[in-house]
């Protein structure tokens, strides 16, 4: 079984490769070399033991190493989650910190996430908001799933530039958590977000059988 650090290093290298591919225009011979190397690495990975994410989570919960719902701090949570997981090669670059009850994230959407020239694709901006607002439920220690996510694009969101996303809880109604966030590029507001999360039983969040 691989270590998280080894997976994080490999994932980071793969992210760099993907963004370098998107940002540059190599010749046909170089592209054929890249295709051959990628095919060889894919065969190597396919020969490795399968990775069962839910089995890993259940094992950690059963052994007491991790709670059913991990507190999402800058260095914890599901490290292989989509969008913001350090051990997931398809993730965006996210660095999170906390101030009181507010989540503050520095997000960089690199070249492979470009939509219109020089602008980040709207879908990846929404995905980044989904990941960042998810840290709020970690602060609350209440497992929840996204029920609704509304994004307003105020100005073009640039690629390859640091964005600051801030998120916080604004209210709750029974199982619903109302979270809002905004993204700035420097001093300029570029997008806002309103999310509704639906709380669930911690054991169900982790995929374990419901004890009831």
C-alpha atoms as a PDB file:
ATOM      1  CA  UNK A   1       0.000   0.000   0.000  1.00  0.00           C
ATOM      2  CA  UNK A   2       1.359   3.417  -0.938  1.00  0.00           C
ATOM      3  CA  UNK A   3       1.930   6.241   1.533  1.00  0.00           C
ATOM      4  CA  UNK A   4      -0.054   9.471   1.284  1.00  0.00           C
ATOM      5  CA  UNK A   5       3.150  11.442   0.713  1.00  0.00           C
ATOM      6  CA  UNK A   6       4.208   9.241  -2.214  1.00  0.00           C
ATOM      7  CA  UNK A   7       0.725   9.568  -3.732  1.00  0.00           C
ATOM      8  CA  UNK A   8       0.744  13.336  -3.182  1.00  0.00           C
ATOM      9  CA  UNK A   9       4.145  13.667  -4.891  1.00  0.00           C
ATOM     10  CA  UNK A  10       3.017  11.550  -7.847  1.00  0.00           C
ATOM     11  CA  UNK A  11      -0.288  13.443  -8.108  1.00  0.00           C
ATOM     12  CA  UNK A  12       1.532  16.799  -8.078  1.00  0.00           C
ATOM     13  CA  UNK A  13       3.869  15.650 -10.844  1.00  0.00           C
ATOM     14  CA  UNK A  14       0.907  14.462 -12.932  1.00  0.00           C
ATOM     15  CA  UNK A  15      -0.867  17.802 -12.417  1.00  0.00           C
ATOM     16  CA  UNK A  16       2.250  19.645 -13.573  1.00  0.00           C
ATOM     17  CA  UNK A  17       2.388  17.400 -16.646  1.00  0.00           C
ATOM     18  CA  UNK A  18      -1.255  18.030 -17.572  1.00  0.00           C
ATOM     19  CA  UNK A  19      -0.981  21.802 -17.209  1.00  0.00           C
ATOM     20  CA  UNK A  20       2.315  21.869 -19.118  1.00  0.00           C
ATOM     21  CA  UNK A  21       0.620  19.890 -21.902  1.00  0.00           C
ATOM     22  CA  UNK A  22      -2.279  22.362 -22.014  1.00  0.00           C
ATOM     23  CA  UNK A  23       0.007  25.396 -21.959  1.00  0.00           C
ATOM     24  CA  UNK A  24       2.482  24.382 -24.682  1.00  0.00           C
ATOM     25  CA  UNK A  25       2.452  23.239 -28.307  1.00  0.00           C
ATOM     26  CA  UNK A  26       5.085  20.544 -28.853  1.00  0.00           C
ATOM     27  CA  UNK A  27       5.703  19.009 -32.265  1.00  0.00           C
ATOM     28  CA  UNK A  28       4.250  15.720 -33.502  1.00  0.00           C
ATOM     29  CA  UNK A  29       7.339  13.710 -32.591  1.00  0.00           C
ATOM     30  CA  UNK A  30       7.297  15.018 -29.035  1.00  0.00           C
ATOM     31  CA  UNK A  31       3.576  14.311 -28.795  1.00  0.00           C
ATOM     32  CA  UNK A  32       4.100  10.727 -29.973  1.00  0.00           C
ATOM     33  CA  UNK A  33       6.800  10.312 -27.311  1.00  0.00           C
ATOM     34  CA  UNK A  34       4.431  11.676 -24.654  1.00  0.00           C
ATOM     35  CA  UNK A  35       1.633   9.364 -25.837  1.00  0.00           C
ATOM     36  CA  UNK A  36       3.930   6.326 -25.692  1.00  0.00           C
ATOM     37  CA  UNK A  37       5.233   7.212 -22.219  1.00  0.00           C
ATOM     38  CA  UNK A  38       1.698   7.823 -20.950  1.00  0.00           C
ATOM     39  CA  UNK A  39       0.468   4.497 -22.364  1.00  0.00           C
ATOM     40  CA  UNK A  40       3.379   2.687 -20.700  1.00  0.00           C
ATOM     41  CA  UNK A  41       2.661   4.326 -17.331  1.00  0.00           C
ATOM     42  CA  UNK A  42      -1.044   3.486 -17.657  1.00  0.00           C
ATOM     43  CA  UNK A  43      -0.199  -0.182 -18.210  1.00  0.00           C
ATOM     44  CA  UNK A  44       2.071  -0.058 -15.152  1.00  0.00           C
ATOM     45  CA  UNK A  45      -0.711   1.423 -13.023  1.00  0.00           C
ATOM     46  CA  UNK A  46      -3.277  -1.064 -14.326  1.00  0.00           C
ATOM     47  CA  UNK A  47      -0.989  -3.843 -13.098  1.00  0.00           C
ATOM     48  CA  UNK A  48      -1.000  -2.508  -9.530  1.00  0.00           C
ATOM     49  CA  UNK A  49      -3.539  -3.650  -6.909  1.00  0.00           C
ATOM     50  CA  UNK A  50      -6.908  -1.865  -7.186  1.00  0.00           C
ATOM     51  CA  UNK A  51      -7.598   1.000  -4.820  1.00  0.00           C
ATOM     52  CA  UNK A  52     -10.925   0.867  -2.979  1.00  0.00           C
ATOM     53  CA  UNK A  53     -11.484   4.290  -1.446  1.00  0.00           C
ATOM     54  CA  UNK A  54     -14.445   3.242   0.673  1.00  0.00           C
ATOM     55  CA  UNK A  55     -12.560   0.215   2.010  1.00  0.00           C
ATOM     56  CA  UNK A  56      -9.711   2.499   3.070  1.00  0.00           C
ATOM     57  CA  UNK A  57     -12.126   4.831   4.866  1.00  0.00           C
ATOM     58  CA  UNK A  58     -13.938   1.974   6.623  1.00  0.00           C
ATOM     59  CA  UNK A  59     -10.645   0.444   7.726  1.00  0.00           C
ATOM     60  CA  UNK A  60      -9.458   3.765   9.176  1.00  0.00           C
ATOM     61  CA  UNK A  61     -12.756   4.248  11.026  1.00  0.00           C
ATOM     62  CA  UNK A  62     -12.791   0.671  12.361  1.00  0.00           C
ATOM     63  CA  UNK A  63      -9.218   0.944  13.645  1.00  0.00           C
ATOM     64  CA  UNK A  64      -9.868   4.265  15.355  1.00  0.00           C
ATOM     65  CA  UNK A  65      -7.264   6.011  13.192  1.00  0.00           C
ATOM     66  CA  UNK A  66      -9.880   8.343  11.692  1.00  0.00           C
ATOM     67  CA  UNK A  67     -13.432   9.383  12.642  1.00  0.00           C
ATOM     68  CA  UNK A  68     -16.338   8.536  10.373  1.00  0.00           C
ATOM     69  CA  UNK A  69     -16.364  12.159   9.329  1.00  0.00           C
ATOM     70  CA  UNK A  70     -12.874  13.717   9.226  1.00  0.00           C
ATOM     71  CA  UNK A  71     -12.462  17.325  10.289  1.00  0.00           C
ATOM     72  CA  UNK A  72     -11.533  19.159   7.125  1.00  0.00           C
ATOM     73  CA  UNK A  73      -8.499  21.196   8.054  1.00  0.00           C
ATOM     74  CA  UNK A  74      -5.693  22.263   5.755  1.00  0.00           C
ATOM     75  CA  UNK A  75      -3.944  18.949   6.272  1.00  0.00           C
ATOM     76  CA  UNK A  76      -6.797  16.498   6.652  1.00  0.00           C
ATOM     77  CA  UNK A  77     -10.096  15.409   5.176  1.00  0.00           C
ATOM     78  CA  UNK A  78     -10.191  13.034   2.204  1.00  0.00           C
ATOM     79  CA  UNK A  79      -6.824  13.629   0.557  1.00  0.00           C
ATOM     80  CA  UNK A  80      -7.897  11.961  -2.698  1.00  0.00           C
ATOM     81  CA  UNK A  81     -11.182  13.831  -3.073  1.00  0.00           C
ATOM     82  CA  UNK A  82     -12.045  15.365  -6.426  1.00  0.00           C
ATOM     83  CA  UNK A  83     -11.317  19.051  -7.045  1.00  0.00           C
ATOM     84  CA  UNK A  84      -9.132  19.792  -3.996  1.00  0.00           C
ATOM     85  CA  UNK A  85      -7.445  16.549  -2.933  1.00  0.00           C
ATOM     86  CA  UNK A  86      -3.641  16.649  -2.744  1.00  0.00           C
ATOM     87  CA  UNK A  87      -3.369  12.985  -3.770  1.00  0.00           C
ATOM     88  CA  UNK A  88      -5.776  13.397  -6.694  1.00  0.00           C
ATOM     89  CA  UNK A  89      -3.955  14.319  -9.936  1.00  0.00           C
ATOM     90  CA  UNK A  90      -7.042  16.053 -11.362  1.00  0.00           C
ATOM     91  CA  UNK A  91      -7.433  18.492  -8.475  1.00  0.00           C
ATOM     92  CA  UNK A  92      -6.974  22.248  -8.483  1.00  0.00           C
ATOM     93  CA  UNK A  93      -4.299  23.945  -6.399  1.00  0.00           C
ATOM     94  CA  UNK A  94      -5.944  24.845  -3.075  1.00  0.00           C
ATOM     95  CA  UNK A  95      -4.273  26.114   0.092  1.00  0.00           C
ATOM     96  CA  UNK A  96      -6.676  26.565   3.021  1.00  0.00           C
ATOM     97  CA  UNK A  97      -6.442  28.412   6.295  1.00  0.00           C
ATOM     98  CA  UNK A  98      -8.996  29.454   8.900  1.00  0.00           C
ATOM     99  CA  UNK A  99      -9.810  32.731  10.643  1.00  0.00           C
ATOM    100  CA  UNK A 100     -12.375  32.339  13.414  1.00  0.00           C
ATOM    101  CA  UNK A 101     -15.382  30.759  11.700  1.00  0.00           C
ATOM    102  CA  UNK A 102     -14.355  31.691   8.156  1.00  0.00           C
ATOM    103  CA  UNK A 103     -12.573  29.504   5.610  1.00  0.00           C
ATOM    104  CA  UNK A 104      -9.970  31.294   3.502  1.00  0.00           C
ATOM    105  CA  UNK A 105      -8.512  29.497   0.497  1.00  0.00           C
ATOM    106  CA  UNK A 106      -5.895  30.488  -2.031  1.00  0.00           C
ATOM    107  CA  UNK A 107      -6.878  28.829  -5.300  1.00  0.00           C
ATOM    108  CA  UNK A 108      -4.949  28.774  -8.577  1.00  0.00           C
ATOM    109  CA  UNK A 109      -6.753  27.516 -11.679  1.00  0.00           C
ATOM    110  CA  UNK A 110      -3.976  26.572 -14.048  1.00  0.00           C
ATOM    111  CA  UNK A 111      -3.801  26.240 -17.833  1.00  0.00           C
ATOM    112  CA  UNK A 112      -5.797  23.028 -18.262  1.00  0.00           C
ATOM    113  CA  UNK A 113      -8.794  24.769 -16.677  1.00  0.00           C
ATOM    114  CA  UNK A 114      -8.942  27.550 -19.267  1.00  0.00           C
ATOM    115  CA  UNK A 115     -12.302  28.136 -20.939  1.00  0.00           C
ATOM    116  CA  UNK A 116     -12.369  31.332 -23.000  1.00  0.00           C
ATOM    117  CA  UNK A 117      -8.838  32.626 -23.682  1.00  0.00           C
ATOM    118  CA  UNK A 118      -7.228  33.715 -20.424  1.00  0.00           C
ATOM    119  CA  UNK A 119     -10.332  32.866 -18.395  1.00  0.00           C
ATOM    120  CA  UNK A 120     -11.087  29.907 -16.159  1.00  0.00           C
ATOM    121  CA  UNK A 121     -13.943  27.637 -17.254  1.00  0.00           C
ATOM    122  CA  UNK A 122     -17.075  28.453 -15.274  1.00  0.00           C
ATOM    123  CA  UNK A 123     -17.575  24.819 -14.306  1.00  0.00           C
ATOM    124  CA  UNK A 124     -14.191  24.562 -12.602  1.00  0.00           C
ATOM    125  CA  UNK A 125     -14.844  27.818 -10.726  1.00  0.00           C
ATOM    126  CA  UNK A 126     -18.089  26.273  -9.424  1.00  0.00           C
ATOM    127  CA  UNK A 127     -16.239  23.078  -8.526  1.00  0.00           C
ATOM    128  CA  UNK A 128     -13.644  25.065  -6.593  1.00  0.00           C
ATOM    129  CA  UNK A 129     -16.435  26.829  -4.685  1.00  0.00           C
ATOM    130  CA  UNK A 130     -17.984  23.426  -3.920  1.00  0.00           C
ATOM    131  CA  UNK A 131     -14.695  22.218  -2.422  1.00  0.00           C
ATOM    132  CA  UNK A 132     -13.986  25.397  -0.446  1.00  0.00           C
ATOM    133  CA  UNK A 133     -17.504  25.687   0.992  1.00  0.00           C
ATOM    134  CA  UNK A 134     -17.144  22.045   2.036  1.00  0.00           C
ATOM    135  CA  UNK A 135     -14.462  23.073   4.522  1.00  0.00           C
ATOM    136  CA  UNK A 136     -17.155  24.946   6.450  1.00  0.00           C
ATOM    137  CA  UNK A 137     -18.946  21.697   7.295  1.00  0.00           C
ATOM    138  CA  UNK A 138     -15.592  20.405   8.536  1.00  0.00           C
ATOM    139  CA  UNK A 139     -15.348  23.367  10.879  1.00  0.00           C
ATOM    140  CA  UNK A 140     -18.825  22.512  12.142  1.00  0.00           C
ATOM    141  CA  UNK A 141     -17.934  18.806  12.490  1.00  0.00           C
ATOM    142  CA  UNK A 142     -21.228  17.981  10.814  1.00  0.00           C
ATOM    143  CA  UNK A 143     -21.130  15.705   7.765  1.00  0.00           C
ATOM    144  CA  UNK A 144     -23.235  16.964   4.890  1.00  0.00           C
ATOM    145  CA  UNK A 145     -23.638  16.702   1.144  1.00  0.00           C
ATOM    146  CA  UNK A 146     -24.090  19.531  -1.331  1.00  0.00           C
ATOM    147  CA  UNK A 147     -27.788  20.013  -2.001  1.00  0.00           C
ATOM    148  CA  UNK A 148     -27.605  23.171  -4.110  1.00  0.00           C
ATOM    149  CA  UNK A 149     -24.835  25.392  -5.432  1.00  0.00           C
ATOM    150  CA  UNK A 150     -25.464  28.747  -7.112  1.00  0.00           C
ATOM    151  CA  UNK A 151     -22.568  30.710  -8.610  1.00  0.00           C
ATOM    152  CA  UNK A 152     -22.688  34.257  -9.938  1.00  0.00           C
ATOM    153  CA  UNK A 153     -19.836  35.232 -12.244  1.00  0.00           C
ATOM    154  CA  UNK A 154     -19.180  38.904 -11.624  1.00  0.00           C
ATOM    155  CA  UNK A 155     -16.084  39.352 -13.794  1.00  0.00           C
ATOM    156  CA  UNK A 156     -13.788  37.091 -15.822  1.00  0.00           C
ATOM    157  CA  UNK A 157     -11.929  34.652 -13.562  1.00  0.00           C
ATOM    158  CA  UNK A 158      -8.278  34.502 -14.666  1.00  0.00           C
ATOM    159  CA  UNK A 159      -6.176  31.366 -15.059  1.00  0.00           C
ATOM    160  CA  UNK A 160      -2.696  31.011 -13.538  1.00  0.00           C
ATOM    161  CA  UNK A 161      -3.402  33.740 -10.998  1.00  0.00           C
ATOM    162  CA  UNK A 162      -4.002  33.353  -7.256  1.00  0.00           C
ATOM    163  CA  UNK A 163      -7.616  33.775  -6.217  1.00  0.00           C
ATOM    164  CA  UNK A 164      -8.806  34.229  -2.657  1.00  0.00           C
ATOM    165  CA  UNK A 165     -12.003  32.384  -1.807  1.00  0.00           C
ATOM    166  CA  UNK A 166     -13.716  33.023   1.522  1.00  0.00           C
ATOM    167  CA  UNK A 167     -16.607  30.943   2.848  1.00  0.00           C
ATOM    168  CA  UNK A 168     -18.749  30.950   5.991  1.00  0.00           C
ATOM    169  CA  UNK A 169     -21.980  29.611   7.462  1.00  0.00           C
ATOM    170  CA  UNK A 170     -24.831  32.106   7.180  1.00  0.00           C
ATOM    171  CA  UNK A 171     -27.667  30.147   8.714  1.00  0.00           C
ATOM    172  CA  UNK A 172     -29.385  26.811   9.158  1.00  0.00           C
ATOM    173  CA  UNK A 173     -32.838  25.301   8.971  1.00  0.00           C
ATOM    174  CA  UNK A 174     -33.220  21.792  10.397  1.00  0.00           C
ATOM    175  CA  UNK A 175     -30.875  19.664   8.211  1.00  0.00           C
ATOM    176  CA  UNK A 176     -30.045  22.496   5.821  1.00  0.00           C
ATOM    177  CA  UNK A 177     -26.816  24.496   6.192  1.00  0.00           C
ATOM    178  CA  UNK A 178     -26.684  27.794   4.263  1.00  0.00           C
ATOM    179  CA  UNK A 179     -23.144  28.715   3.256  1.00  0.00           C
ATOM    180  CA  UNK A 180     -21.945  31.676   1.219  1.00  0.00           C
ATOM    181  CA  UNK A 181     -18.618  32.454  -0.388  1.00  0.00           C
ATOM    182  CA  UNK A 182     -16.896  34.867  -2.715  1.00  0.00           C
ATOM    183  CA  UNK A 183     -13.768  34.884  -4.856  1.00  0.00           C
ATOM    184  CA  UNK A 184     -11.411  37.815  -5.342  1.00  0.00           C
ATOM    185  CA  UNK A 185      -8.541  38.358  -7.752  1.00  0.00           C
ATOM    186  CA  UNK A 186      -6.505  40.885  -5.853  1.00  0.00           C
ATOM    187  CA  UNK A 187      -8.965  43.553  -4.742  1.00  0.00           C
ATOM    188  CA  UNK A 188     -11.463  42.668  -7.475  1.00  0.00           C
ATOM    189  CA  UNK A 189     -14.554  40.565  -6.798  1.00  0.00           C
ATOM    190  CA  UNK A 190     -14.848  38.003  -9.599  1.00  0.00           C
ATOM    191  CA  UNK A 191     -17.486  35.514  -8.395  1.00  0.00           C
ATOM    192  CA  UNK A 192     -19.894  34.752  -5.552  1.00  0.00           C
ATOM    193  CA  UNK A 193     -21.486  31.531  -4.358  1.00  0.00           C
ATOM    194  CA  UNK A 194     -24.462  30.419  -2.292  1.00  0.00           C
ATOM    195  CA  UNK A 195     -24.598  26.777  -1.222  1.00  0.00           C
ATOM    196  CA  UNK A 196     -27.061  24.631   0.657  1.00  0.00           C
ATOM    197  CA  UNK A 197     -25.666  21.523   2.340  1.00  0.00           C
ATOM    198  CA  UNK A 198     -27.833  18.734   3.760  1.00  0.00           C
ATOM    199  CA  UNK A 199     -26.548  17.128   6.950  1.00  0.00           C
ATOM    200  CA  UNK A 200     -26.418  13.316   7.239  1.00  0.00           C
ATOM    201  CA  UNK A 201     -25.538  10.717   9.842  1.00  0.00           C
ATOM    202  CA  UNK A 202     -21.707  10.447  10.164  1.00  0.00           C
ATOM    203  CA  UNK A 203     -21.670   6.688   9.603  1.00  0.00           C
ATOM    204  CA  UNK A 204     -23.647   7.064   6.395  1.00  0.00           C
ATOM    205  CA  UNK A 205     -21.296   9.793   5.206  1.00  0.00           C
ATOM    206  CA  UNK A 206     -18.346   7.410   5.582  1.00  0.00           C
ATOM    207  CA  UNK A 207     -20.132   4.642   3.757  1.00  0.00           C
ATOM    208  CA  UNK A 208     -20.416   2.419   6.812  1.00  0.00           C
ATOM    209  CA  UNK A 209     -23.636   0.474   7.480  1.00  0.00           C
ATOM    210  CA  UNK A 210     -26.271   2.505   9.272  1.00  0.00           C
ATOM    211  CA  UNK A 211     -26.295   1.168  12.872  1.00  0.00           C
ATOM    212  CA  UNK A 212     -30.020   1.919  13.153  1.00  0.00           C
END
